[in-house]
């Protein structure tokens, strides 16, 4: 199963073990920093969204 990066203008994709993608943090303050860094307006991530760190 391929996964895509959720950051705006990032076109990176991977199959498991090729590129490390990370889940968004559960901690609200850390999660907010990651959401700002993704640069997506009015976006609510799901548990399956993965930003490339």
C-alpha atoms as a PDB file:
ATOM      1  CA  UNK A   1       0.000   0.000   0.000  1.00  0.00           C
ATOM      2  CA  UNK A   2       1.429   3.367  -1.017  1.00  0.00           C
ATOM      3  CA  UNK A   3       1.174   6.414   1.230  1.00  0.00           C
ATOM      4  CA  UNK A   4       1.419  10.053   0.159  1.00  0.00           C
ATOM      5  CA  UNK A   5       2.709  13.030   2.090  1.00  0.00           C
ATOM      6  CA  UNK A   6      -0.093  15.343   3.291  1.00  0.00           C
ATOM      7  CA  UNK A   7       1.974  18.560   3.143  1.00  0.00           C
ATOM      8  CA  UNK A   8       0.977  21.095   0.471  1.00  0.00           C
ATOM      9  CA  UNK A   9       3.138  20.787  -2.688  1.00  0.00           C
ATOM     10  CA  UNK A  10       4.895  17.647  -1.423  1.00  0.00           C
ATOM     11  CA  UNK A  11       4.716  14.874  -3.994  1.00  0.00           C
ATOM     12  CA  UNK A  12       6.638  12.237  -2.038  1.00  0.00           C
ATOM     13  CA  UNK A  13       5.116   8.770  -1.988  1.00  0.00           C
ATOM     14  CA  UNK A  14       6.425   5.560  -0.564  1.00  0.00           C
ATOM     15  CA  UNK A  15       5.783   1.934  -0.138  1.00  0.00           C
ATOM     16  CA  UNK A  16       6.412   0.663   3.383  1.00  0.00           C
ATOM     17  CA  UNK A  17      10.047   0.883   4.545  1.00  0.00           C
ATOM     18  CA  UNK A  18      11.196   3.175   1.687  1.00  0.00           C
ATOM     19  CA  UNK A  19      10.774   6.603   3.315  1.00  0.00           C
ATOM     20  CA  UNK A  20       9.857   7.271   6.950  1.00  0.00           C
ATOM     21  CA  UNK A  21       6.518   9.020   7.333  1.00  0.00           C
ATOM     22  CA  UNK A  22       5.159   9.761  10.803  1.00  0.00           C
ATOM     23  CA  UNK A  23       1.740   9.936  12.384  1.00  0.00           C
ATOM     24  CA  UNK A  24       0.631  13.301  13.711  1.00  0.00           C
ATOM     25  CA  UNK A  25       1.277  13.636  17.460  1.00  0.00           C
ATOM     26  CA  UNK A  26      -1.614  13.102  19.867  1.00  0.00           C
ATOM     27  CA  UNK A  27      -0.384  15.882  22.208  1.00  0.00           C
ATOM     28  CA  UNK A  28      -2.519  18.963  21.287  1.00  0.00           C
ATOM     29  CA  UNK A  29       0.309  21.528  21.389  1.00  0.00           C
ATOM     30  CA  UNK A  30       2.670  19.383  19.307  1.00  0.00           C
ATOM     31  CA  UNK A  31      -0.126  18.432  16.921  1.00  0.00           C
ATOM     32  CA  UNK A  32      -0.970  22.107  16.322  1.00  0.00           C
ATOM     33  CA  UNK A  33       2.660  22.831  15.351  1.00  0.00           C
ATOM     34  CA  UNK A  34       2.591  19.974  12.833  1.00  0.00           C
ATOM     35  CA  UNK A  35      -0.735  21.175  11.411  1.00  0.00           C
ATOM     36  CA  UNK A  36       0.655  24.689  10.902  1.00  0.00           C
ATOM     37  CA  UNK A  37       3.758  23.205   9.236  1.00  0.00           C
ATOM     38  CA  UNK A  38       1.658  21.259   6.700  1.00  0.00           C
ATOM     39  CA  UNK A  39       0.410  24.608   5.327  1.00  0.00           C
ATOM     40  CA  UNK A  40      -3.110  23.354   4.608  1.00  0.00           C
ATOM     41  CA  UNK A  41      -6.097  25.624   5.233  1.00  0.00           C
ATOM     42  CA  UNK A  42      -9.338  24.226   6.699  1.00  0.00           C
ATOM     43  CA  UNK A  43      -7.954  20.687   6.804  1.00  0.00           C
ATOM     44  CA  UNK A  44      -8.855  18.138   9.433  1.00  0.00           C
ATOM     45  CA  UNK A  45      -6.431  15.206   9.302  1.00  0.00           C
ATOM     46  CA  UNK A  46      -7.533  11.624   9.755  1.00  0.00           C
ATOM     47  CA  UNK A  47      -5.580   8.976  11.622  1.00  0.00           C
ATOM     48  CA  UNK A  48      -4.268   7.794   8.233  1.00  0.00           C
ATOM     49  CA  UNK A  49      -2.672  11.098   7.115  1.00  0.00           C
ATOM     50  CA  UNK A  50       1.113  11.078   7.269  1.00  0.00           C
ATOM     51  CA  UNK A  51       3.430  14.089   6.979  1.00  0.00           C
ATOM     52  CA  UNK A  52       6.989  13.512   5.873  1.00  0.00           C
ATOM     53  CA  UNK A  53       9.116  14.677   8.776  1.00  0.00           C
END
